Protein backbone atom coordinates (compact mmCIF):
# COMPACT_ATOMS: atom_id res chain seq x y z
CA MET A 1 0.29 0.14 0.18
CA ALA A 2 1.24 3.73 -0.77
CA GLN A 3 1.93 5.63 2.26
CA ILE A 4 0.33 9.19 2.82
CA LYS A 5 1.35 12.33 4.91
CA ILE A 6 -1.23 14.13 6.63
CA THR A 7 -0.90 17.49 8.19
CA GLN A 8 -3.12 19.04 10.51
CA THR A 9 -3.83 22.84 9.53
CA ARG A 10 -6.57 24.43 11.57
CA SER A 11 -7.87 23.97 14.78
CA GLN A 12 -9.96 21.69 16.19
CA ILE A 13 -11.53 23.80 19.00
CA ARG A 14 -15.12 24.22 18.11
CA ARG A 15 -15.50 21.18 16.10
CA PRO A 16 -17.68 18.78 17.18
CA GLY A 17 -16.78 15.56 19.07
CA ASP A 18 -16.39 13.52 16.51
CA GLN A 19 -14.00 15.04 14.58
CA LYS A 20 -11.42 15.83 17.34
CA LYS A 21 -11.79 11.93 17.67
CA THR A 22 -11.11 11.23 14.05
CA LEU A 23 -7.80 13.93 14.68
CA THR A 24 -6.64 12.10 16.99
CA ALA A 25 -7.36 8.43 15.81
CA LEU A 26 -4.98 9.91 12.75
CA GLY A 27 -2.53 10.66 15.40
CA LEU A 28 -2.74 14.36 14.92
CA GLY A 29 -3.83 16.84 17.60
CA ARG A 30 -2.27 20.36 16.97
CA ILE A 31 -1.43 22.56 14.10
CA GLY A 32 1.46 21.70 12.20
CA LYS A 33 1.84 17.97 13.36
CA THR A 34 2.25 15.52 10.71
CA ASN A 35 2.03 11.81 10.67
CA THR A 36 2.80 9.15 8.00
CA VAL A 37 -0.32 6.14 7.72
CA GLU A 38 -0.77 3.77 5.03
CA GLU A 39 -3.34 4.68 2.51
CA THR A 40 -6.26 2.22 3.47
CA ASP A 41 -9.70 3.00 2.62
CA GLN A 42 -10.72 3.92 6.56
CA ILE A 43 -7.80 6.20 6.40
CA LYS A 44 -9.43 7.46 3.26
CA GLY A 45 -12.79 7.94 5.25
CA MET A 46 -11.61 9.39 8.37
CA VAL A 47 -9.56 12.15 6.10
CA ALA A 48 -12.54 12.68 3.90
CA LYS A 49 -14.36 13.65 7.70
CA VAL A 50 -11.75 16.51 8.27
CA ARG A 51 -10.41 17.60 5.04
CA HIS A 52 -11.20 20.87 6.06
CA LEU A 53 -8.67 20.48 8.88
CA VAL A 54 -5.76 19.17 7.08
CA THR A 55 -3.93 18.77 4.10
CA VAL A 56 -2.65 15.67 2.59
CA GLU A 57 0.60 14.65 0.43
CA ALA A 58 1.77 11.60 -0.78
CA ALA A 59 4.62 10.60 1.41
């Protein structure tokens, strides 16, 4: 599988709880934090849920 690099670019303050939990599950939690993960269907779904808070690049 391919790897993708996810970086949090916007704050999770004043966001619904499910979006905060999704960021935590992706290994994020503060602006500027980056995590590299496998590109699976589950990860794609999580990224789609918080796409307005993160940027995604190929690793």
